[in-house]
Amino acid sequence: MSKSAEHAAEDLQATLAGISTKDLVDELSKRDGVKEIVCPDPESAYAVGIDRSDGEETHISPGNGPARILVVID
């Protein structure tokens, strides 16, 4: 990576570090290719699982809301 590209990446990282997670998620949720699933109820339970075409399954531990789950297809 060139020095100018490294400098630009460092500047971008510094800018992003100054933005709250909530603001970043708010922005990402508005983008094309992003679907937001909202679990607003603190008593709601949710679990995320992926069934792949090769038969493998990935499961993320269930949790209790509130939660915002972003599905990014890009």
PDB file of N, CA and C in Angstrom:
ATOM      1  N   MET A   1       0.858  -1.170   0.000  1.00  0.00           N
ATOM      2  CA  MET A   1       0.000   0.000   0.000  1.00  0.00           C
ATOM      3  C   MET A   1       0.900   1.227   0.000  1.00  0.00           C
ATOM      4  N   SER A   2       0.556   2.201  -0.831  1.00  0.00           N
ATOM      5  CA  SER A   2       1.362   3.415  -0.910  1.00  0.00           C
ATOM      6  C   SER A   2       1.192   4.245   0.350  1.00  0.00           C
ATOM      7  N   LYS A   3       2.127   5.156   0.566  1.00  0.00           N
ATOM      8  CA  LYS A   3       2.070   6.025   1.745  1.00  0.00           C
ATOM      9  C   LYS A   3       0.805   6.867   1.745  1.00  0.00           C
ATOM     10  N   SER A   4       0.390   7.366   0.577  1.00  0.00           N
ATOM     11  CA  SER A   4      -0.822   8.194   0.526  1.00  0.00           C
ATOM     12  C   SER A   4      -2.059   7.354   0.824  1.00  0.00           C
ATOM     13  N   ALA A   5      -2.087   6.105   0.362  1.00  0.00           N
ATOM     14  CA  ALA A   5      -3.222   5.226   0.655  1.00  0.00           C
ATOM     15  C   ALA A   5      -3.251   4.891   2.139  1.00  0.00           C
ATOM     16  N   GLU A   6      -2.087   4.644   2.739  1.00  0.00           N
ATOM     17  CA  GLU A   6      -2.009   4.375   4.176  1.00  0.00           C
ATOM     18  C   GLU A   6      -2.508   5.574   4.971  1.00  0.00           C
ATOM     19  N   HIS A   7      -2.100   6.758   4.545  1.00  0.00           N
ATOM     20  CA  HIS A   7      -2.523   7.988   5.237  1.00  0.00           C
ATOM     21  C   HIS A   7      -4.039   8.175   5.117  1.00  0.00           C
ATOM     22  N   ALA A   8      -4.581   7.930   3.938  1.00  0.00           N
ATOM     23  CA  ALA A   8      -6.027   8.057   3.737  1.00  0.00           C
ATOM     24  C   ALA A   8      -6.775   7.039   4.604  1.00  0.00           C
ATOM     25  N   ALA A   9      -6.267   5.819   4.687  1.00  0.00           N
ATOM     26  CA  ALA A   9      -6.902   4.789   5.520  1.00  0.00           C
ATOM     27  C   ALA A   9      -6.851   5.185   6.991  1.00  0.00           C
ATOM     28  N   GLU A  10      -5.731   5.743   7.435  1.00  0.00           N
ATOM     29  CA  GLU A  10      -5.607   6.190   8.821  1.00  0.00           C
ATOM     30  C   GLU A  10      -6.575   7.329   9.108  1.00  0.00           C
ATOM     31  N   ASP A  11      -6.707   8.267   8.187  1.00  0.00           N
ATOM     32  CA  ASP A  11      -7.646   9.381   8.354  1.00  0.00           C
ATOM     33  C   ASP A  11      -9.081   8.874   8.438  1.00  0.00           C
ATOM     34  N   LEU A  12      -9.417   7.934   7.571  1.00  0.00           N
ATOM     35  CA  LEU A  12     -10.764   7.369   7.578  1.00  0.00           C
ATOM     36  C   LEU A  12     -11.029   6.651   8.891  1.00  0.00           C
ATOM     37  N   GLN A  13     -10.070   5.868   9.362  1.00  0.00           N
ATOM     38  CA  GLN A  13     -10.231   5.147  10.622  1.00  0.00           C
ATOM     39  C   GLN A  13     -10.413   6.128  11.782  1.00  0.00           C
ATOM     40  N   ALA A  14      -9.669   7.215  11.788  1.00  0.00           N
ATOM     41  CA  ALA A  14      -9.801   8.219  12.840  1.00  0.00           C
ATOM     42  C   ALA A  14     -11.185   8.870  12.793  1.00  0.00           C
ATOM     43  N   THR A  15     -11.692   9.118  11.595  1.00  0.00           N
ATOM     44  CA  THR A  15     -13.033   9.708  11.449  1.00  0.00           C
ATOM     45  C   THR A  15     -14.093   8.741  11.955  1.00  0.00           C
ATOM     46  N   LEU A  16     -13.997   7.482  11.541  1.00  0.00           N
ATOM     47  CA  LEU A  16     -14.981   6.483  11.969  1.00  0.00           C
ATOM     48  C   LEU A  16     -14.935   6.250  13.472  1.00  0.00           C
ATOM     49  N   ALA A  17     -13.757   6.315  14.058  1.00  0.00           N
ATOM     50  CA  ALA A  17     -13.624   6.110  15.505  1.00  0.00           C
ATOM     51  C   ALA A  17     -14.379   7.180  16.290  1.00  0.00           C
ATOM     52  N   GLY A  18     -14.567   8.338  15.692  1.00  0.00           N
ATOM     53  CA  GLY A  18     -15.264   9.427  16.357  1.00  0.00           C
ATOM     54  C   GLY A  18     -16.779   9.384  16.206  1.00  0.00           C
ATOM     55  N   ILE A  19     -17.290   8.391  15.495  1.00  0.00           N
ATOM     56  CA  ILE A  19     -18.730   8.271  15.262  1.00  0.00           C
ATOM     57  C   ILE A  19     -19.271   7.157  16.153  1.00  0.00           C
ATOM     58  N   SER A  20     -20.382   7.419  16.803  1.00  0.00           N
ATOM     59  CA  SER A  20     -20.947   6.420  17.718  1.00  0.00           C
ATOM     60  C   SER A  20     -21.419   5.185  16.955  1.00  0.00           C
ATOM     61  N   THR A  21     -21.427   4.056  17.641  1.00  0.00           N
ATOM     62  CA  THR A  21     -21.914   2.813  17.043  1.00  0.00           C
ATOM     63  C   THR A  21     -23.353   2.979  16.576  1.00  0.00           C
ATOM     64  N   LYS A  22     -24.184   3.631  17.393  1.00  0.00           N
ATOM     65  CA  LYS A  22     -25.588   3.853  17.020  1.00  0.00           C
ATOM     66  C   LYS A  22     -25.684   4.601  15.702  1.00  0.00           C
ATOM     67  N   ASP A  23     -24.897   5.665  15.544  1.00  0.00           N
ATOM     68  CA  ASP A  23     -24.937   6.438  14.307  1.00  0.00           C
ATOM     69  C   ASP A  23     -24.456   5.616  13.109  1.00  0.00           C
ATOM     70  N   LEU A  24     -23.439   4.795  13.304  1.00  0.00           N
ATOM     71  CA  LEU A  24     -22.964   3.941  12.216  1.00  0.00           C
ATOM     72  C   LEU A  24     -24.031   2.924  11.809  1.00  0.00           C
ATOM     73  N   VAL A  25     -24.681   2.310  12.796  1.00  0.00           N
ATOM     74  CA  VAL A  25     -25.734   1.331  12.508  1.00  0.00           C
ATOM     75  C   VAL A  25     -26.917   2.016  11.837  1.00  0.00           C
ATOM     76  N   ASP A  26     -27.288   3.211  12.306  1.00  0.00           N
ATOM     77  CA  ASP A  26     -28.375   3.961  11.664  1.00  0.00           C
ATOM     78  C   ASP A  26     -28.072   4.187  10.187  1.00  0.00           C
ATOM     79  N   GLU A  27     -26.839   4.574   9.887  1.00  0.00           N
ATOM     80  CA  GLU A  27     -26.452   4.826   8.498  1.00  0.00           C
ATOM     81  C   GLU A  27     -26.448   3.528   7.689  1.00  0.00           C
ATOM     82  N   LEU A  28     -25.840   2.482   8.213  1.00  0.00           N
ATOM     83  CA  LEU A  28     -25.789   1.212   7.492  1.00  0.00           C
ATOM     84  C   LEU A  28     -27.180   0.663   7.209  1.00  0.00           C
ATOM     85  N   SER A  29     -28.100   0.842   8.138  1.00  0.00           N
ATOM     86  CA  SER A  29     -29.448   0.290   7.967  1.00  0.00           C
ATOM     87  C   SER A  29     -30.193   0.930   6.800  1.00  0.00           C
ATOM     88  N   LYS A  30     -29.752   2.082   6.353  1.00  0.00           N
ATOM     89  CA  LYS A  30     -30.395   2.788   5.243  1.00  0.00           C
ATOM     90  C   LYS A  30     -29.804   2.428   3.876  1.00  0.00           C
ATOM     91  N   ARG A  31     -28.730   1.683   3.870  1.00  0.00           N
ATOM     92  CA  ARG A  31     -28.019   1.412   2.622  1.00  0.00           C
ATOM     93  C   ARG A  31     -28.693   0.331   1.786  1.00  0.00           C
ATOM     94  N   ASP A  32     -28.472   0.412   0.461  1.00  0.00           N
ATOM     95  CA  ASP A  32     -28.925  -0.653  -0.439  1.00  0.00           C
ATOM     96  C   ASP A  32     -28.210  -1.937  -0.053  1.00  0.00           C
ATOM     97  N   GLY A  33     -28.915  -3.039  -0.126  1.00  0.00           N
ATOM     98  CA  GLY A  33     -28.312  -4.319   0.190  1.00  0.00           C
ATOM     99  C   GLY A  33     -28.297  -4.648   1.668  1.00  0.00           C
ATOM    100  N   VAL A  34     -28.975  -3.826   2.475  1.00  0.00           N
ATOM    101  CA  VAL A  34     -29.035  -4.076   3.918  1.00  0.00           C
ATOM    102  C   VAL A  34     -30.491  -4.208   4.329  1.00  0.00           C
ATOM    103  N   LYS A  35     -30.790  -5.305   5.005  1.00  0.00           N
ATOM    104  CA  LYS A  35     -32.127  -5.518   5.547  1.00  0.00           C
ATOM    105  C   LYS A  35     -31.996  -5.478   7.064  1.00  0.00           C
ATOM    106  N   GLU A  36     -32.858  -4.721   7.698  1.00  0.00           N
ATOM    107  CA  GLU A  36     -32.820  -4.603   9.148  1.00  0.00           C
ATOM    108  C   GLU A  36     -33.964  -5.396   9.762  1.00  0.00           C
ATOM    109  N   ILE A  37     -33.640  -6.200  10.743  1.00  0.00           N
ATOM    110  CA  ILE A  37     -34.637  -6.928  11.516  1.00  0.00           C
ATOM    111  C   ILE A  37     -34.592  -6.332  12.920  1.00  0.00           C
ATOM    112  N   VAL A  38     -35.717  -5.803  13.367  1.00  0.00           N
ATOM    113  CA  VAL A  38     -35.765  -5.139  14.664  1.00  0.00           C
ATOM    114  C   VAL A  38     -36.539  -6.000  15.651  1.00  0.00           C
ATOM    115  N   CYS A  39     -35.956  -6.210  16.805  1.00  0.00           N
ATOM    116  CA  CYS A  39     -36.607  -6.913  17.918  1.00  0.00           C
ATOM    117  C   CYS A  39     -36.748  -5.886  19.044  1.00  0.00           C
ATOM    118  N   PRO A  40     -37.829  -5.101  19.035  1.00  0.00           N
ATOM    119  CA  PRO A  40     -37.920  -3.977  19.965  1.00  0.00           C
ATOM    120  C   PRO A  40     -38.256  -4.343  21.405  1.00  0.00           C
ATOM    121  N   ASP A  41     -38.872  -5.493  21.606  1.00  0.00           N
ATOM    122  CA  ASP A  41     -39.351  -5.868  22.930  1.00  0.00           C
ATOM    123  C   ASP A  41     -38.210  -6.451  23.764  1.00  0.00           C
ATOM    124  N   PRO A  42     -37.919  -5.863  24.927  1.00  0.00           N
ATOM    125  CA  PRO A  42     -36.839  -6.382  25.768  1.00  0.00           C
ATOM    126  C   PRO A  42     -37.072  -7.822  26.213  1.00  0.00           C
ATOM    127  N   GLU A  43     -38.310  -8.277  26.175  1.00  0.00           N
ATOM    128  CA  GLU A  43     -38.627  -9.644  26.584  1.00  0.00           C
ATOM    129  C   GLU A  43     -38.597 -10.620  25.409  1.00  0.00           C
ATOM    130  N   SER A  44     -38.452 -10.117  24.190  1.00  0.00           N
ATOM    131  CA  SER A  44     -38.428 -10.986  23.010  1.00  0.00           C
ATOM    132  C   SER A  44     -37.130 -11.779  22.964  1.00  0.00           C
ATOM    133  N   ALA A  45     -37.251 -13.005  22.517  1.00  0.00           N
ATOM    134  CA  ALA A  45     -36.073 -13.837  22.322  1.00  0.00           C
ATOM    135  C   ALA A  45     -35.799 -13.942  20.831  1.00  0.00           C
ATOM    136  N   TYR A  46     -34.550 -14.087  20.467  1.00  0.00           N
ATOM    137  CA  TYR A  46     -34.189 -14.262  19.075  1.00  0.00           C
ATOM    138  C   TYR A  46     -32.982 -15.186  18.990  1.00  0.00           C
ATOM    139  N   ALA A  47     -32.844 -15.836  17.874  1.00  0.00           N
ATOM    140  CA  ALA A  47     -31.681 -16.673  17.589  1.00  0.00           C
ATOM    141  C   ALA A  47     -31.370 -16.519  16.111  1.00  0.00           C
ATOM    142  N   VAL A  48     -30.117 -16.574  15.764  1.00  0.00           N
ATOM    143  CA  VAL A  48     -29.703 -16.435  14.377  1.00  0.00           C
ATOM    144  C   VAL A  48     -29.053 -17.743  13.958  1.00  0.00           C
ATOM    145  N   GLY A  49     -29.498 -18.286  12.834  1.00  0.00           N
ATOM    146  CA  GLY A  49     -28.913 -19.516  12.322  1.00  0.00           C
ATOM    147  C   GLY A  49     -28.742 -19.428  10.825  1.00  0.00           C
ATOM    148  N   ILE A  50     -27.747 -20.120  10.322  1.00  0.00           N
ATOM    149  CA  ILE A  50     -27.479 -20.145   8.889  1.00  0.00           C
ATOM    150  C   ILE A  50     -27.380 -21.598   8.461  1.00  0.00           C
ATOM    151  N   ASP A  51     -28.207 -21.993   7.508  1.00  0.00           N
ATOM    152  CA  ASP A  51     -28.136 -23.325   6.926  1.00  0.00           C
ATOM    153  C   ASP A  51     -27.500 -23.173   5.551  1.00  0.00           C
ATOM    154  N   ARG A  52     -26.279 -23.665   5.409  1.00  0.00           N
ATOM    155  CA  ARG A  52     -25.559 -23.509   4.153  1.00  0.00           C
ATOM    156  C   ARG A  52     -25.890 -24.640   3.194  1.00  0.00           C
ATOM    157  N   SER A  53     -25.640 -24.403   1.918  1.00  0.00           N
ATOM    158  CA  SER A  53     -25.948 -25.394   0.885  1.00  0.00           C
ATOM    159  C   SER A  53     -25.092 -26.653   1.025  1.00  0.00           C
ATOM    160  N   ASP A  54     -23.955 -26.564   1.711  1.00  0.00           N
ATOM    161  CA  ASP A  54     -23.102 -27.748   1.879  1.00  0.00           C
ATOM    162  C   ASP A  54     -23.474 -28.564   3.118  1.00  0.00           C
ATOM    163  N   GLY A  55     -24.587 -28.186   3.755  1.00  0.00           N
ATOM    164  CA  GLY A  55     -25.056 -28.936   4.907  1.00  0.00           C
ATOM    165  C   GLY A  55     -24.553 -28.427   6.240  1.00  0.00           C
ATOM    166  N   GLU A  56     -23.566 -27.542   6.210  1.00  0.00           N
ATOM    167  CA  GLU A  56     -23.058 -26.959   7.451  1.00  0.00           C
ATOM    168  C   GLU A  56     -24.091 -26.003   8.034  1.00  0.00           C
ATOM    169  N   GLU A  57     -24.108 -25.901   9.334  1.00  0.00           N
ATOM    170  CA  GLU A  57     -24.994 -24.960  10.015  1.00  0.00           C
ATOM    171  C   GLU A  57     -24.159 -24.109  10.955  1.00  0.00           C
ATOM    172  N   THR A  58     -24.493 -22.853  11.022  1.00  0.00           N
ATOM    173  CA  THR A  58     -23.844 -21.945  11.961  1.00  0.00           C
ATOM    174  C   THR A  58     -24.935 -21.345  12.824  1.00  0.00           C
ATOM    175  N   HIS A  59     -24.751 -21.404  14.106  1.00  0.00           N
ATOM    176  CA  HIS A  59     -25.735 -20.836  15.019  1.00  0.00           C
ATOM    177  C   HIS A  59     -25.052 -19.854  15.954  1.00  0.00           C
ATOM    178  N   ILE A  60     -25.671 -18.727  16.103  1.00  0.00           N
ATOM    179  CA  ILE A  60     -25.209 -17.726  17.056  1.00  0.00           C
ATOM    180  C   ILE A  60     -26.109 -17.854  18.270  1.00  0.00           C
ATOM    181  N   SER A  61     -25.519 -17.826  19.424  1.00  0.00           N
ATOM    182  CA  SER A  61     -26.286 -18.014  20.653  1.00  0.00           C
ATOM    183  C   SER A  61     -27.510 -17.126  20.680  1.00  0.00           C
ATOM    184  N   PRO A  62     -28.617 -17.673  21.149  1.00  0.00           N
ATOM    185  CA  PRO A  62     -29.824 -16.870  21.258  1.00  0.00           C
ATOM    186  C   PRO A  62     -29.625 -15.747  22.268  1.00  0.00           C
ATOM    187  N   GLY A  63     -30.391 -14.723  22.100  1.00  0.00           N
ATOM    188  CA  GLY A  63     -30.333 -13.595  23.018  1.00  0.00           C
ATOM    189  C   GLY A  63     -31.732 -13.090  23.292  1.00  0.00           C
ATOM    190  N   ASN A  64     -31.809 -12.107  24.117  1.00  0.00           N
ATOM    191  CA  ASN A  64     -33.087 -11.448  24.389  1.00  0.00           C
ATOM    192  C   ASN A  64     -32.974 -10.010  23.934  1.00  0.00           C
ATOM    193  N   GLY A  65     -34.063  -9.507  23.316  1.00  0.00           N
ATOM    194  CA  GLY A  65     -34.098  -8.155  22.776  1.00  0.00           C
ATOM    195  C   GLY A  65     -33.905  -7.125  23.852  1.00  0.00           C
ATOM    196  N   PRO A  66     -33.907  -5.880  23.527  1.00  0.00           N
ATOM    197  CA  PRO A  66     -34.069  -5.353  22.174  1.00  0.00           C
ATOM    198  C   PRO A  66     -32.790  -5.538  21.353  1.00  0.00           C
ATOM    199  N   ALA A  67     -32.981  -5.666  20.054  1.00  0.00           N
ATOM    200  CA  ALA A  67     -31.836  -5.868  19.178  1.00  0.00           C
ATOM    201  C   ALA A  67     -32.151  -5.330  17.791  1.00  0.00           C
ATOM    202  N   ARG A  68     -31.106  -4.979  17.083  1.00  0.00           N
ATOM    203  CA  ARG A  68     -31.196  -4.634  15.671  1.00  0.00           C
ATOM    204  C   ARG A  68     -30.233  -5.566  14.955  1.00  0.00           C
ATOM    205  N   ILE A  69     -30.750  -6.372  14.076  1.00  0.00           N
ATOM    206  CA  ILE A  69     -29.935  -7.314  13.336  1.00  0.00           C
ATOM    207  C   ILE A  69     -29.871  -6.826  11.892  1.00  0.00           C
ATOM    208  N   LEU A  70     -28.661  -6.621  11.389  1.00  0.00           N
ATOM    209  CA  LEU A  70     -28.480  -6.167  10.013  1.00  0.00           C
ATOM    210  C   LEU A  70     -28.028  -7.348   9.157  1.00  0.00           C
ATOM    211  N   VAL A  71     -28.770  -7.589   8.085  1.00  0.00           N
ATOM    212  CA  VAL A  71     -28.407  -8.609   7.115  1.00  0.00           C
ATOM    213  C   VAL A  71     -27.844  -7.863   5.923  1.00  0.00           C
ATOM    214  N   VAL A  72     -26.565  -8.059   5.644  1.00  0.00           N
ATOM    215  CA  VAL A  72     -25.892  -7.319   4.577  1.00  0.00           C
ATOM    216  C   VAL A  72     -25.642  -8.257   3.417  1.00  0.00           C
ATOM    217  N   ILE A  73     -26.203  -7.910   2.261  1.00  0.00           N
ATOM    218  CA  ILE A  73     -26.021  -8.701   1.041  1.00  0.00           C
ATOM    219  C   ILE A  73     -25.355  -7.775   0.038  1.00  0.00           C
ATOM    220  N   ASP A  74     -24.076  -7.984  -0.138  1.00  0.00           N
ATOM    221  CA  ASP A  74     -23.317  -7.086  -0.997  1.00  0.00           C
ATOM    222  C   ASP A  74     -22.327  -7.870  -1.824  1.00  0.00           C
TER     223      ASP A  74
END
